Amino acid sequence: MRPGKAILIAGYPGSGKTTYGNTLKNTNGAAEYVDDYHANAIGDDPAFARGRKYGEMTAGLRWGETWLASDTEWCRPQRRRAVKADLRAAVPDVAIE
């Protein structure tokens, strides 16, 4: 089975991330859209793997699902790189947009 696709949406507060994410979910048949990914992190830990949906997301990606997630933290290049590295470590052939 081919790994799925993770679509990461970055933007400042009020920039339309939620509206865009919901539109993409509806048009791409994504399994789930996780809005404000870090807002619900376990223990407010900024590590991507501490997000409450991390386990479900990586399992879904392994099964070929498309997942969307958004966060303001990903406006920072170093945070975006860390998220991509973490996803690729968990699901090596995942497509990331």
Protein backbone atom coordinates (compact mmCIF):
# COMPACT_ATOMS: atom_id res chain seq x y z
CA MET A 1 0.00 0.00 0.00
CA ARG A 2 1.21 3.45 -0.86
CA PRO A 3 1.54 5.98 2.01
CA GLY A 4 -0.89 8.86 2.09
CA LYS A 5 -0.49 12.59 1.85
CA ALA A 6 -0.13 15.16 4.63
CA ILE A 7 -1.22 18.67 3.73
CA LEU A 8 0.16 21.22 6.19
CA ILE A 9 -1.44 24.65 6.27
CA ALA A 10 0.53 27.52 7.81
CA GLY A 11 -0.81 30.99 8.43
CA TYR A 12 -1.16 33.77 10.92
CA PRO A 13 -4.26 34.10 13.11
CA GLY A 14 -7.26 35.22 11.07
CA SER A 15 -5.60 34.41 7.73
CA GLY A 16 -8.21 31.83 6.69
CA LYS A 17 -6.51 28.55 7.62
CA THR A 18 -9.71 26.99 8.98
CA THR A 19 -11.82 28.01 5.99
CA TYR A 20 -9.16 26.79 3.55
CA GLY A 21 -8.65 23.54 5.47
CA ASN A 22 -12.37 22.75 5.56
CA THR A 23 -12.65 23.49 1.82
CA LEU A 24 -9.70 21.20 1.06
CA LYS A 25 -11.11 18.44 3.25
CA ASN A 26 -14.39 18.54 1.38
CA THR A 27 -12.81 18.63 -2.09
CA ASN A 28 -9.93 16.15 -1.49
CA GLY A 29 -11.80 13.52 0.48
CA ALA A 30 -9.33 13.82 3.33
CA ALA A 31 -9.75 11.52 6.30
CA GLU A 32 -9.55 14.38 8.78
CA TYR A 33 -8.62 18.03 9.20
CA VAL A 34 -6.84 18.96 12.45
CA ASP A 35 -7.21 22.70 13.01
CA ASP A 36 -4.72 24.47 15.33
CA TYR A 37 -2.65 21.32 15.68
CA HIS A 38 -0.51 22.53 18.61
CA ALA A 39 -3.43 24.03 20.53
CA ASN A 40 -4.36 20.56 21.69
CA ALA A 41 -0.88 19.16 22.24
CA ILE A 42 -0.37 16.82 25.15
CA GLY A 43 1.09 18.84 28.02
CA ASP A 44 1.37 21.88 25.70
CA ASP A 45 4.52 20.24 24.31
CA PRO A 46 5.49 21.89 20.99
CA ALA A 47 6.84 18.64 19.51
CA PHE A 48 4.75 17.48 16.56
CA ALA A 49 4.59 13.93 17.95
CA ARG A 50 2.85 15.24 21.10
CA GLY A 51 -0.23 16.38 19.18
CA ARG A 52 -3.38 14.56 20.27
CA LYS A 53 -4.09 13.34 16.73
CA TYR A 54 -0.49 12.29 15.94
CA GLY A 55 -1.08 8.53 16.36
CA GLU A 56 -4.25 8.57 14.29
CA MET A 57 -2.64 10.76 11.65
CA THR A 58 0.48 8.63 11.19
CA ALA A 59 -1.58 5.41 11.15
CA GLY A 60 -3.90 6.91 8.53
CA LEU A 61 -0.97 8.08 6.44
CA ARG A 62 0.49 4.57 6.53
CA TRP A 63 -2.85 3.28 5.19
CA GLY A 64 -2.82 5.76 2.32
CA GLU A 65 -5.19 8.40 3.72
CA THR A 66 -4.90 12.14 3.17
CA TRP A 67 -4.73 14.22 6.35
CA LEU A 68 -4.82 18.00 6.68
CA ALA A 69 -3.50 20.00 9.60
CA SER A 70 -3.02 23.70 10.27
CA ASP A 71 -1.11 25.76 12.79
CA THR A 72 0.33 29.23 13.19
CA GLU A 73 3.62 27.69 14.43
CA TRP A 74 4.35 26.43 10.92
CA CYS A 75 4.89 29.99 9.70
CA ARG A 76 8.37 29.60 11.17
CA PRO A 77 10.64 27.70 8.75
CA GLN A 78 12.43 25.78 11.53
CA ARG A 79 9.11 24.50 12.90
CA ARG A 80 7.95 23.46 9.41
CA ARG A 81 11.21 21.57 8.83
CA ALA A 82 10.85 19.80 12.19
CA VAL A 83 7.28 18.71 11.38
CA LYS A 84 8.30 17.38 7.97
CA ALA A 85 11.26 15.49 9.46
CA ASP A 86 9.03 13.97 12.14
CA LEU A 87 6.40 12.88 9.62
CA ARG A 88 9.03 11.34 7.35
CA ALA A 89 10.56 9.48 10.30
CA ALA A 90 7.15 8.01 11.17
CA VAL A 91 5.96 7.41 7.58
CA PRO A 92 9.06 7.41 5.34
CA ASP A 93 7.36 7.73 1.91
CA VAL A 94 4.63 10.16 2.95
CA ALA A 95 3.86 12.96 0.48
CA ILE A 96 3.92 16.33 2.21
CA GLU A 97 2.42 19.50 0.77
